[in-house]
């Protein structure tokens, strides 16, 4: 399999654009002592991102209305309860993926 030079540079450019924004902030911040209010504020970011992703998948905007994706909501509730009980990210993710897969298998 041969790779055209322009395709190679596109792949290299995509790699740089993907890696630099993820690695550079980590390298800059790891040697800094951030104030406690900043650290507290940063601790809420994963919760905000998760909430945005969940809400985006539950609420569907159509051309004329807003609807609820009931299949996703049915999967979220038991997954959330399991997460609160186990406090294990791995168990929660595996359970949620399997539950959503089963729901899609039996409802489609």
PDB file of N, CA and C in Angstrom:
ATOM      1  N   UNK A   1       0.847  -1.181   0.000  1.00  0.00           N
ATOM      2  CA  UNK A   1       0.000   0.000   0.000  1.00  0.00           C
ATOM      3  C   UNK A   1       0.885   1.233   0.000  1.00  0.00           C
ATOM      4  N   UNK A   2       0.685   2.089  -0.948  1.00  0.00           N
ATOM      5  CA  UNK A   2       1.488   3.309  -1.015  1.00  0.00           C
ATOM      6  C   UNK A   2       0.644   4.485  -0.540  1.00  0.00           C
ATOM      7  N   UNK A   3       1.335   5.425   0.109  1.00  0.00           N
ATOM      8  CA  UNK A   3       0.652   6.603   0.620  1.00  0.00           C
ATOM      9  C   UNK A   3       1.151   7.808  -0.158  1.00  0.00           C
ATOM     10  N   UNK A   4       0.235   8.531  -0.749  1.00  0.00           N
ATOM     11  CA  UNK A   4       0.569   9.741  -1.472  1.00  0.00           C
ATOM     12  C   UNK A   4       1.148  10.756  -0.478  1.00  0.00           C
ATOM     13  N   UNK A   5       2.088  11.571  -0.924  1.00  0.00           N
ATOM     14  CA  UNK A   5       2.741  12.532  -0.040  1.00  0.00           C
ATOM     15  C   UNK A   5       1.732  13.534   0.542  1.00  0.00           C
ATOM     16  N   UNK A   6       0.771  13.976  -0.238  1.00  0.00           N
ATOM     17  CA  UNK A   6      -0.207  14.932   0.276  1.00  0.00           C
ATOM     18  C   UNK A   6      -1.107  14.291   1.331  1.00  0.00           C
ATOM     19  N   UNK A   7      -1.443  13.003   1.137  1.00  0.00           N
ATOM     20  CA  UNK A   7      -2.244  12.299   2.146  1.00  0.00           C
ATOM     21  C   UNK A   7      -1.440  12.158   3.431  1.00  0.00           C
ATOM     22  N   UNK A   8      -0.159  11.871   3.316  1.00  0.00           N
ATOM     23  CA  UNK A   8       0.697  11.760   4.496  1.00  0.00           C
ATOM     24  C   UNK A   8       0.708  13.074   5.275  1.00  0.00           C
ATOM     25  N   UNK A   9       0.830  14.201   4.569  1.00  0.00           N
ATOM     26  CA  UNK A   9       0.859  15.494   5.256  1.00  0.00           C
ATOM     27  C   UNK A   9      -0.508  15.843   5.864  1.00  0.00           C
ATOM     28  N   UNK A  10      -1.589  15.418   5.238  1.00  0.00           N
ATOM     29  CA  UNK A  10      -2.912  15.634   5.814  1.00  0.00           C
ATOM     30  C   UNK A  10      -3.046  14.833   7.112  1.00  0.00           C
ATOM     31  N   UNK A  11      -2.604  13.585   7.101  1.00  0.00           N
ATOM     32  CA  UNK A  11      -2.651  12.754   8.305  1.00  0.00           C
ATOM     33  C   UNK A  11      -1.765  13.343   9.389  1.00  0.00           C
ATOM     34  N   UNK A  12      -0.575  13.789   9.023  1.00  0.00           N
ATOM     35  CA  UNK A  12       0.336  14.415   9.986  1.00  0.00           C
ATOM     36  C   UNK A  12      -0.278  15.698  10.559  1.00  0.00           C
ATOM     37  N   UNK A  13      -0.887  16.510   9.715  1.00  0.00           N
ATOM     38  CA  UNK A  13      -1.530  17.740  10.177  1.00  0.00           C
ATOM     39  C   UNK A  13      -2.697  17.453  11.109  1.00  0.00           C
ATOM     40  N   UNK A  14      -3.507  16.452  10.777  1.00  0.00           N
ATOM     41  CA  UNK A  14      -4.626  16.077  11.659  1.00  0.00           C
ATOM     42  C   UNK A  14      -4.113  15.584  13.004  1.00  0.00           C
ATOM     43  N   UNK A  15      -3.010  14.853  12.981  1.00  0.00           N
ATOM     44  CA  UNK A  15      -2.414  14.370  14.227  1.00  0.00           C
ATOM     45  C   UNK A  15      -1.966  15.536  15.092  1.00  0.00           C
ATOM     46  N   UNK A  16      -1.308  16.490  14.499  1.00  0.00           N
ATOM     47  CA  UNK A  16      -0.822  17.660  15.246  1.00  0.00           C
ATOM     48  C   UNK A  16      -1.994  18.462  15.808  1.00  0.00           C
ATOM     49  N   UNK A  17      -3.008  18.688  14.979  1.00  0.00           N
ATOM     50  CA  UNK A  17      -4.168  19.467  15.424  1.00  0.00           C
ATOM     51  C   UNK A  17      -4.922  18.747  16.534  1.00  0.00           C
ATOM     52  N   UNK A  18      -4.890  17.434  16.549  1.00  0.00           N
ATOM     53  CA  UNK A  18      -5.581  16.675  17.585  1.00  0.00           C
ATOM     54  C   UNK A  18      -4.756  16.592  18.868  1.00  0.00           C
ATOM     55  N   UNK A  19      -3.465  16.376  18.747  1.00  0.00           N
ATOM     56  CA  UNK A  19      -2.616  16.136  19.914  1.00  0.00           C
ATOM     57  C   UNK A  19      -2.225  17.428  20.632  1.00  0.00           C
ATOM     58  N   UNK A  20      -1.886  18.456  19.916  1.00  0.00           N
ATOM     59  CA  UNK A  20      -1.380  19.685  20.539  1.00  0.00           C
ATOM     60  C   UNK A  20      -2.372  20.310  21.526  1.00  0.00           C
ATOM     61  N   UNK A  21      -3.652  20.476  21.183  1.00  0.00           N
ATOM     62  CA  UNK A  21      -4.568  21.069  22.170  1.00  0.00           C
ATOM     63  C   UNK A  21      -4.782  20.195  23.413  1.00  0.00           C
ATOM     64  N   UNK A  22      -4.507  18.907  23.319  1.00  0.00           N
ATOM     65  CA  UNK A  22      -4.676  18.029  24.477  1.00  0.00           C
ATOM     66  C   UNK A  22      -3.427  17.962  25.334  1.00  0.00           C
ATOM     67  N   UNK A  23      -2.269  17.981  24.723  1.00  0.00           N
ATOM     68  CA  UNK A  23      -1.010  17.808  25.455  1.00  0.00           C
ATOM     69  C   UNK A  23      -0.454  19.143  25.948  1.00  0.00           C
ATOM     70  N   UNK A  24      -0.507  20.175  25.140  1.00  0.00           N
ATOM     71  CA  UNK A  24       0.097  21.456  25.497  1.00  0.00           C
ATOM     72  C   UNK A  24      -0.452  22.056  26.796  1.00  0.00           C
ATOM     73  N   UNK A  25      -1.764  22.116  26.991  1.00  0.00           N
ATOM     74  CA  UNK A  25      -2.253  22.655  28.276  1.00  0.00           C
ATOM     75  C   UNK A  25      -1.787  21.819  29.464  1.00  0.00           C
ATOM     76  N   UNK A  26      -1.746  20.513  29.313  1.00  0.00           N
ATOM     77  CA  UNK A  26      -1.277  19.656  30.395  1.00  0.00           C
ATOM     78  C   UNK A  26       0.181  19.963  30.736  1.00  0.00           C
ATOM     79  N   UNK A  27       1.010  20.132  29.726  1.00  0.00           N
ATOM     80  CA  UNK A  27       2.423  20.421  29.965  1.00  0.00           C
ATOM     81  C   UNK A  27       2.625  21.789  30.615  1.00  0.00           C
ATOM     82  N   UNK A  28       1.804  22.754  30.254  1.00  0.00           N
ATOM     83  CA  UNK A  28       1.935  24.096  30.817  1.00  0.00           C
ATOM     84  C   UNK A  28       1.435  24.132  32.259  1.00  0.00           C
ATOM     85  N   UNK A  29       0.289  23.503  32.528  1.00  0.00           N
ATOM     86  CA  UNK A  29      -0.351  23.610  33.834  1.00  0.00           C
ATOM     87  C   UNK A  29       0.293  22.709  34.890  1.00  0.00           C
ATOM     88  N   UNK A  30       0.913  21.623  34.484  1.00  0.00           N
ATOM     89  CA  UNK A  30       1.430  20.674  35.482  1.00  0.00           C
ATOM     90  C   UNK A  30       2.516  21.262  36.372  1.00  0.00           C
ATOM     91  N   UNK A  31       3.234  22.266  35.915  1.00  0.00           N
ATOM     92  CA  UNK A  31       4.294  22.882  36.715  1.00  0.00           C
ATOM     93  C   UNK A  31       3.830  24.151  37.425  1.00  0.00           C
ATOM     94  N   UNK A  32       2.577  24.526  37.256  1.00  0.00           N
ATOM     95  CA  UNK A  32       2.054  25.721  37.904  1.00  0.00           C
ATOM     96  C   UNK A  32       1.300  25.347  39.175  1.00  0.00           C
ATOM     97  N   UNK A  33       1.359  26.219  40.148  1.00  0.00           N
ATOM     98  CA  UNK A  33       0.531  26.057  41.342  1.00  0.00           C
ATOM     99  C   UNK A  33      -0.690  26.945  41.161  1.00  0.00           C
ATOM    100  N   UNK A  34      -1.821  26.304  40.907  1.00  0.00           N
ATOM    101  CA  UNK A  34      -3.042  27.061  40.664  1.00  0.00           C
ATOM    102  C   UNK A  34      -3.728  27.367  41.992  1.00  0.00           C
ATOM    103  N   UNK A  35      -4.352  28.540  42.095  1.00  0.00           N
ATOM    104  CA  UNK A  35      -5.083  28.884  43.326  1.00  0.00           C
ATOM    105  C   UNK A  35      -6.238  27.910  43.569  1.00  0.00           C
ATOM    106  N   UNK A  36      -6.620  27.760  44.820  1.00  0.00           N
ATOM    107  CA  UNK A  36      -7.696  26.842  45.182  1.00  0.00           C
ATOM    108  C   UNK A  36      -9.018  27.129  44.481  1.00  0.00           C
ATOM    109  N   UNK A  37      -9.426  28.416  44.331  1.00  0.00           N
ATOM    110  CA  UNK A  37     -10.690  28.654  43.603  1.00  0.00           C
ATOM    111  C   UNK A  37     -10.635  28.162  42.156  1.00  0.00           C
ATOM    112  N   UNK A  38      -9.482  28.274  41.519  1.00  0.00           N
ATOM    113  CA  UNK A  38      -9.346  27.800  40.139  1.00  0.00           C
ATOM    114  C   UNK A  38      -9.440  26.273  40.104  1.00  0.00           C
ATOM    115  N   UNK A  39      -8.786  25.602  41.045  1.00  0.00           N
ATOM    116  CA  UNK A  39      -8.855  24.144  41.102  1.00  0.00           C
ATOM    117  C   UNK A  39     -10.281  23.668  41.366  1.00  0.00           C
ATOM    118  N   UNK A  40     -10.990  24.365  42.232  1.00  0.00           N
ATOM    119  CA  UNK A  40     -12.380  24.002  42.504  1.00  0.00           C
ATOM    120  C   UNK A  40     -13.228  24.189  41.258  1.00  0.00           C
ATOM    121  N   UNK A  41     -13.028  25.304  40.550  1.00  0.00           N
ATOM    122  CA  UNK A  41     -13.767  25.565  39.323  1.00  0.00           C
ATOM    123  C   UNK A  41     -13.458  24.487  38.291  1.00  0.00           C
ATOM    124  N   UNK A  42     -12.209  24.102  38.146  1.00  0.00           N
ATOM    125  CA  UNK A  42     -11.821  23.082  37.177  1.00  0.00           C
ATOM    126  C   UNK A  42     -12.418  21.721  37.523  1.00  0.00           C
ATOM    127  N   UNK A  43     -12.658  21.467  38.803  1.00  0.00           N
ATOM    128  CA  UNK A  43     -13.220  20.166  39.192  1.00  0.00           C
ATOM    129  C   UNK A  43     -14.654  19.992  38.688  1.00  0.00           C
ATOM    130  N   UNK A  44     -15.346  21.074  38.365  1.00  0.00           N
ATOM    131  CA  UNK A  44     -16.718  20.982  37.881  1.00  0.00           C
ATOM    132  C   UNK A  44     -16.814  20.769  36.367  1.00  0.00           C
ATOM    133  N   UNK A  45     -15.731  20.937  35.660  1.00  0.00           N
ATOM    134  CA  UNK A  45     -15.766  20.848  34.197  1.00  0.00           C
ATOM    135  C   UNK A  45     -16.211  19.470  33.711  1.00  0.00           C
ATOM    136  N   UNK A  46     -15.686  18.340  34.254  1.00  0.00           N
ATOM    137  CA  UNK A  46     -16.180  17.046  33.761  1.00  0.00           C
ATOM    138  C   UNK A  46     -17.682  16.865  33.968  1.00  0.00           C
ATOM    139  N   UNK A  47     -18.227  17.355  35.063  1.00  0.00           N
ATOM    140  CA  UNK A  47     -19.661  17.244  35.310  1.00  0.00           C
ATOM    141  C   UNK A  47     -20.437  18.044  34.271  1.00  0.00           C
ATOM    142  N   UNK A  48     -19.948  19.233  33.954  1.00  0.00           N
ATOM    143  CA  UNK A  48     -20.626  20.085  32.960  1.00  0.00           C
ATOM    144  C   UNK A  48     -20.598  19.441  31.580  1.00  0.00           C
ATOM    145  N   UNK A  49     -19.468  18.870  31.214  1.00  0.00           N
ATOM    146  CA  UNK A  49     -19.350  18.232  29.900  1.00  0.00           C
ATOM    147  C   UNK A  49     -20.262  17.020  29.822  1.00  0.00           C
ATOM    148  N   UNK A  50     -20.273  16.197  30.870  1.00  0.00           N
ATOM    149  CA  UNK A  50     -21.144  15.021  30.892  1.00  0.00           C
ATOM    150  C   UNK A  50     -22.606  15.426  30.795  1.00  0.00           C
ATOM    151  N   UNK A  51     -22.995  16.451  31.540  1.00  0.00           N
ATOM    152  CA  UNK A  51     -24.376  16.926  31.500  1.00  0.00           C
ATOM    153  C   UNK A  51     -24.745  17.407  30.094  1.00  0.00           C
ATOM    154  N   UNK A  52     -23.849  18.147  29.470  1.00  0.00           N
ATOM    155  CA  UNK A  52     -24.127  18.629  28.110  1.00  0.00           C
ATOM    156  C   UNK A  52     -24.291  17.470  27.132  1.00  0.00           C
ATOM    157  N   UNK A  53     -23.461  16.457  27.252  1.00  0.00           N
ATOM    158  CA  UNK A  53     -23.568  15.304  26.355  1.00  0.00           C
ATOM    159  C   UNK A  53     -24.864  14.528  26.585  1.00  0.00           C
ATOM    160  N   UNK A  54     -25.239  14.356  27.838  1.00  0.00           N
ATOM    161  CA  UNK A  54     -26.454  13.614  28.158  1.00  0.00           C
ATOM    162  C   UNK A  54     -27.681  14.379  27.677  1.00  0.00           C
ATOM    163  N   UNK A  55     -27.753  15.642  27.990  1.00  0.00           N
ATOM    164  CA  UNK A  55     -28.916  16.446  27.598  1.00  0.00           C
ATOM    165  C   UNK A  55     -29.023  16.519  26.077  1.00  0.00           C
ATOM    166  N   UNK A  56     -27.899  16.611  25.408  1.00  0.00           N
ATOM    167  CA  UNK A  56     -27.923  16.669  23.941  1.00  0.00           C
ATOM    168  C   UNK A  56     -28.525  15.399  23.340  1.00  0.00           C
ATOM    169  N   UNK A  57     -28.302  14.252  23.997  1.00  0.00           N
ATOM    170  CA  UNK A  57     -28.833  12.995  23.474  1.00  0.00           C
ATOM    171  C   UNK A  57     -30.260  12.708  23.927  1.00  0.00           C
ATOM    172  N   UNK A  58     -30.714  13.337  24.981  1.00  0.00           N
ATOM    173  CA  UNK A  58     -32.074  13.102  25.479  1.00  0.00           C
ATOM    174  C   UNK A  58     -33.067  14.038  24.806  1.00  0.00           C
ATOM    175  N   UNK A  59     -32.687  15.275  24.602  1.00  0.00           N
ATOM    176  CA  UNK A  59     -33.593  16.264  24.001  1.00  0.00           C
ATOM    177  C   UNK A  59     -33.267  16.399  22.515  1.00  0.00           C
ATOM    178  N   UNK A  60     -34.267  16.141  21.701  1.00  0.00           N
ATOM    179  CA  UNK A  60     -34.101  16.189  20.247  1.00  0.00           C
ATOM    180  C   UNK A  60     -34.878  17.381  19.715  1.00  0.00           C
ATOM    181  N   UNK A  61     -34.193  18.245  18.999  1.00  0.00           N
ATOM    182  CA  UNK A  61     -34.856  19.396  18.390  1.00  0.00           C
ATOM    183  C   UNK A  61     -35.201  19.037  16.949  1.00  0.00           C
ATOM    184  N   UNK A  62     -36.489  19.034  16.661  1.00  0.00           N
ATOM    185  CA  UNK A  62     -36.942  18.806  15.293  1.00  0.00           C
ATOM    186  C   UNK A  62     -37.204  20.163  14.653  1.00  0.00           C
ATOM    187  N   UNK A  63     -37.700  20.154  13.431  1.00  0.00           N
ATOM    188  CA  UNK A  63     -37.913  21.425  12.734  1.00  0.00           C
ATOM    189  C   UNK A  63     -38.999  22.277  13.392  1.00  0.00           C
ATOM    190  N   UNK A  64     -39.977  21.631  14.065  1.00  0.00           N
ATOM    191  CA  UNK A  64     -41.083  22.392  14.625  1.00  0.00           C
ATOM    192  C   UNK A  64     -41.268  22.228  16.127  1.00  0.00           C
ATOM    193  N   UNK A  65     -40.537  21.328  16.740  1.00  0.00           N
ATOM    194  CA  UNK A  65     -40.759  21.094  18.168  1.00  0.00           C
ATOM    195  C   UNK A  65     -39.522  20.498  18.824  1.00  0.00           C
ATOM    196  N   UNK A  66     -39.645  20.274  20.102  1.00  0.00           N
ATOM    197  CA  UNK A  66     -38.602  19.606  20.875  1.00  0.00           C
ATOM    198  C   UNK A  66     -39.193  18.308  21.401  1.00  0.00           C
ATOM    199  N   UNK A  67     -38.469  17.217  21.206  1.00  0.00           N
ATOM    200  CA  UNK A  67     -38.952  15.910  21.634  1.00  0.00           C
ATOM    201  C   UNK A  67     -37.947  15.270  22.582  1.00  0.00           C
ATOM    202  N   UNK A  68     -38.408  14.261  23.303  1.00  0.00           N
ATOM    203  CA  UNK A  68     -37.542  13.523  24.216  1.00  0.00           C
ATOM    204  C   UNK A  68     -37.218  12.173  23.594  1.00  0.00           C
ATOM    205  N   UNK A  69     -35.954  11.814  23.614  1.00  0.00           N
ATOM    206  CA  UNK A  69     -35.526  10.504  23.153  1.00  0.00           C
ATOM    207  C   UNK A  69     -35.728   9.533  24.316  1.00  0.00           C
ATOM    208  N   UNK A  70     -36.876   8.852  24.331  1.00  0.00           N
ATOM    209  CA  UNK A  70     -37.251   8.006  25.460  1.00  0.00           C
ATOM    210  C   UNK A  70     -36.325   6.812  25.615  1.00  0.00           C
ATOM    211  N   UNK A  71     -35.818   6.300  24.514  1.00  0.00           N
ATOM    212  CA  UNK A  71     -34.911   5.157  24.586  1.00  0.00           C
ATOM    213  C   UNK A  71     -33.651   5.517  25.368  1.00  0.00           C
ATOM    214  N   UNK A  72     -33.090   6.674  25.083  1.00  0.00           N
ATOM    215  CA  UNK A  72     -31.905   7.133  25.805  1.00  0.00           C
ATOM    216  C   UNK A  72     -32.235   7.408  27.264  1.00  0.00           C
ATOM    217  N   UNK A  73     -33.368   8.002  27.521  1.00  0.00           N
ATOM    218  CA  UNK A  73     -33.769   8.297  28.896  1.00  0.00           C
ATOM    219  C   UNK A  73     -33.967   7.010  29.701  1.00  0.00           C
ATOM    220  N   UNK A  74     -34.535   5.987  29.061  1.00  0.00           N
ATOM    221  CA  UNK A  74     -34.718   4.694  29.729  1.00  0.00           C
ATOM    222  C   UNK A  74     -33.367   4.082  30.083  1.00  0.00           C
ATOM    223  N   UNK A  75     -32.358   4.281  29.260  1.00  0.00           N
ATOM    224  CA  UNK A  75     -31.027   3.742  29.549  1.00  0.00           C
ATOM    225  C   UNK A  75     -30.295   4.571  30.606  1.00  0.00           C
ATOM    226  N   UNK A  76     -30.543   5.866  30.635  1.00  0.00           N
ATOM    227  CA  UNK A  76     -29.822   6.747  31.559  1.00  0.00           C
ATOM    228  C   UNK A  76     -30.208   6.485  33.017  1.00  0.00           C
ATOM    229  N   UNK A  77     -31.478   6.275  33.289  1.00  0.00           N
ATOM    230  CA  UNK A  77     -31.935   6.168  34.678  1.00  0.00           C
ATOM    231  C   UNK A  77     -31.278   4.997  35.410  1.00  0.00           C
ATOM    232  N   UNK A  78     -31.337   3.753  34.905  1.00  0.00           N
ATOM    233  CA  UNK A  78     -30.669   2.676  35.636  1.00  0.00           C
ATOM    234  C   UNK A  78     -29.148   2.820  35.658  1.00  0.00           C
ATOM    235  N   UNK A  79     -28.586   3.388  34.602  1.00  0.00           N
ATOM    236  CA  UNK A  79     -27.136   3.596  34.579  1.00  0.00           C
ATOM    237  C   UNK A  79     -26.730   4.609  35.639  1.00  0.00           C
ATOM    238  N   UNK A  80     -27.505   5.662  35.803  1.00  0.00           N
ATOM    239  CA  UNK A  80     -27.225   6.654  36.835  1.00  0.00           C
ATOM    240  C   UNK A  80     -27.343   6.046  38.230  1.00  0.00           C
ATOM    241  N   UNK A  81     -28.377   5.247  38.440  1.00  0.00           N
ATOM    242  CA  UNK A  81     -28.547   4.593  39.741  1.00  0.00           C
ATOM    243  C   UNK A  81     -27.380   3.655  40.048  1.00  0.00           C
ATOM    244  N   UNK A  82     -26.925   2.911  39.034  1.00  0.00           N
ATOM    245  CA  UNK A  82     -25.767   2.037  39.228  1.00  0.00           C
ATOM    246  C   UNK A  82     -24.512   2.846  39.530  1.00  0.00           C
ATOM    247  N   UNK A  83     -24.343   3.963  38.841  1.00  0.00           N
ATOM    248  CA  UNK A  83     -23.179   4.815  39.075  1.00  0.00           C
ATOM    249  C   UNK A  83     -23.169   5.348  40.500  1.00  0.00           C
ATOM    250  N   UNK A  84     -24.331   5.765  40.987  1.00  0.00           N
ATOM    251  CA  UNK A  84     -24.414   6.271  42.358  1.00  0.00           C
ATOM    252  C   UNK A  84     -24.135   5.168  43.375  1.00  0.00           C
ATOM    253  N   UNK A  85     -24.539   3.955  43.059  1.00  0.00           N
ATOM    254  CA  UNK A  85     -24.347   2.837  43.984  1.00  0.00           C
ATOM    255  C   UNK A  85     -22.901   2.333  43.987  1.00  0.00           C
ATOM    256  N   UNK A  86     -22.321   2.127  42.795  1.00  0.00           N
ATOM    257  CA  UNK A  86     -20.986   1.518  42.715  1.00  0.00           C
ATOM    258  C   UNK A  86     -19.859   2.542  42.748  1.00  0.00           C
ATOM    259  N   UNK A  87     -20.124   3.740  42.249  1.00  0.00           N
ATOM    260  CA  UNK A  87     -19.102   4.777  42.115  1.00  0.00           C
ATOM    261  C   UNK A  87     -17.892   4.284  41.303  1.00  0.00           C
ATOM    262  N   UNK A  88     -18.171   3.419  40.353  1.00  0.00           N
ATOM    263  CA  UNK A  88     -17.137   2.861  39.486  1.00  0.00           C
ATOM    264  C   UNK A  88     -17.402   3.297  38.048  1.00  0.00           C
ATOM    265  N   UNK A  89     -16.460   4.019  37.487  1.00  0.00           N
ATOM    266  CA  UNK A  89     -16.624   4.498  36.119  1.00  0.00           C
ATOM    267  C   UNK A  89     -16.667   3.339  35.133  1.00  0.00           C
ATOM    268  N   UNK A  90     -15.785   2.362  35.312  1.00  0.00           N
ATOM    269  CA  UNK A  90     -15.729   1.235  34.374  1.00  0.00           C
ATOM    270  C   UNK A  90     -17.027   0.436  34.384  1.00  0.00           C
ATOM    271  N   UNK A  91     -17.519   0.108  35.564  1.00  0.00           N
ATOM    272  CA  UNK A  91     -18.763  -0.659  35.674  1.00  0.00           C
ATOM    273  C   UNK A  91     -19.921   0.134  35.070  1.00  0.00           C
ATOM    274  N   UNK A  92     -19.972   1.423  35.347  1.00  0.00           N
ATOM    275  CA  UNK A  92     -21.053   2.268  34.846  1.00  0.00           C
ATOM    276  C   UNK A  92     -21.038   2.341  33.323  1.00  0.00           C
ATOM    277  N   UNK A  93     -19.871   2.563  32.752  1.00  0.00           N
ATOM    278  CA  UNK A  93     -19.769   2.676  31.287  1.00  0.00           C
ATOM    279  C   UNK A  93     -20.135   1.357  30.621  1.00  0.00           C
ATOM    280  N   UNK A  94     -19.597   0.253  31.132  1.00  0.00           N
ATOM    281  CA  UNK A  94     -19.892  -1.054  30.540  1.00  0.00           C
ATOM    282  C   UNK A  94     -21.388  -1.360  30.636  1.00  0.00           C
ATOM    283  N   UNK A  95     -21.972  -1.108  31.806  1.00  0.00           N
ATOM    284  CA  UNK A  95     -23.404  -1.345  31.992  1.00  0.00           C
ATOM    285  C   UNK A  95     -24.227  -0.466  31.045  1.00  0.00           C
ATOM    286  N   UNK A  96     -23.882   0.809  30.953  1.00  0.00           N
ATOM    287  CA  UNK A  96     -24.627   1.723  30.092  1.00  0.00           C
ATOM    288  C   UNK A  96     -24.554   1.343  28.628  1.00  0.00           C
ATOM    289  N   UNK A  97     -23.379   0.945  28.169  1.00  0.00           N
ATOM    290  CA  UNK A  97     -23.214   0.553  26.762  1.00  0.00           C
ATOM    291  C   UNK A  97     -24.017  -0.717  26.474  1.00  0.00           C
ATOM    292  N   UNK A  98     -23.918  -1.701  27.377  1.00  0.00           N
ATOM    293  CA  UNK A  98     -24.661  -2.948  27.175  1.00  0.00           C
ATOM    294  C   UNK A  98     -26.166  -2.688  27.216  1.00  0.00           C
ATOM    295  N   UNK A  99     -26.620  -1.883  28.180  1.00  0.00           N
ATOM    296  CA  UNK A  99     -28.048  -1.583  28.283  1.00  0.00           C
ATOM    297  C   UNK A  99     -28.561  -0.862  27.039  1.00  0.00           C
ATOM    298  N   UNK A 100     -27.816   0.115  26.575  1.00  0.00           N
ATOM    299  CA  UNK A 100     -28.251   0.856  25.373  1.00  0.00           C
ATOM    300  C   UNK A 100     -28.254  -0.058  24.163  1.00  0.00           C
ATOM    301  N   UNK A 101     -27.252  -0.938  24.061  1.00  0.00           N
ATOM    302  CA  UNK A 101     -27.208  -1.896  22.955  1.00  0.00           C
ATOM    303  C   UNK A 101     -28.406  -2.838  22.962  1.00  0.00           C
ATOM    304  N   UNK A 102     -28.746  -3.341  24.157  1.00  0.00           N
ATOM    305  CA  UNK A 102     -29.913  -4.225  24.277  1.00  0.00           C
ATOM    306  C   UNK A 102     -31.206  -3.497  23.944  1.00  0.00           C
ATOM    307  N   UNK A 103     -31.344  -2.276  24.429  1.00  0.00           N
ATOM    308  CA  UNK A 103     -32.548  -1.499  24.114  1.00  0.00           C
ATOM    309  C   UNK A 103     -32.683  -1.267  22.618  1.00  0.00           C
ATOM    310  N   UNK A 104     -31.582  -0.935  21.985  1.00  0.00           N
ATOM    311  CA  UNK A 104     -31.639  -0.716  20.512  1.00  0.00           C
ATOM    312  C   UNK A 104     -31.913  -2.010  19.779  1.00  0.00           C
ATOM    313  N   UNK A 105     -31.363  -3.123  20.275  1.00  0.00           N
ATOM    314  CA  UNK A 105     -31.570  -4.414  19.621  1.00  0.00           C
ATOM    315  C   UNK A 105     -33.040  -4.813  19.671  1.00  0.00           C
ATOM    316  N   UNK A 106     -33.677  -4.625  20.819  1.00  0.00           N
ATOM    317  CA  UNK A 106     -35.053  -5.085  20.984  1.00  0.00           C
ATOM    318  C   UNK A 106     -36.106  -4.077  20.549  1.00  0.00           C
ATOM    319  N   UNK A 107     -35.726  -2.834  20.299  1.00  0.00           N
ATOM    320  CA  UNK A 107     -36.733  -1.858  19.876  1.00  0.00           C
ATOM    321  C   UNK A 107     -36.637  -1.490  18.410  1.00  0.00           C
ATOM    322  N   UNK A 108     -35.627  -1.940  17.757  1.00  0.00           N
ATOM    323  CA  UNK A 108     -35.467  -1.565  16.345  1.00  0.00           C
ATOM    324  C   UNK A 108     -35.926  -2.659  15.429  1.00  0.00           C
TER     325      UNK A 108
END
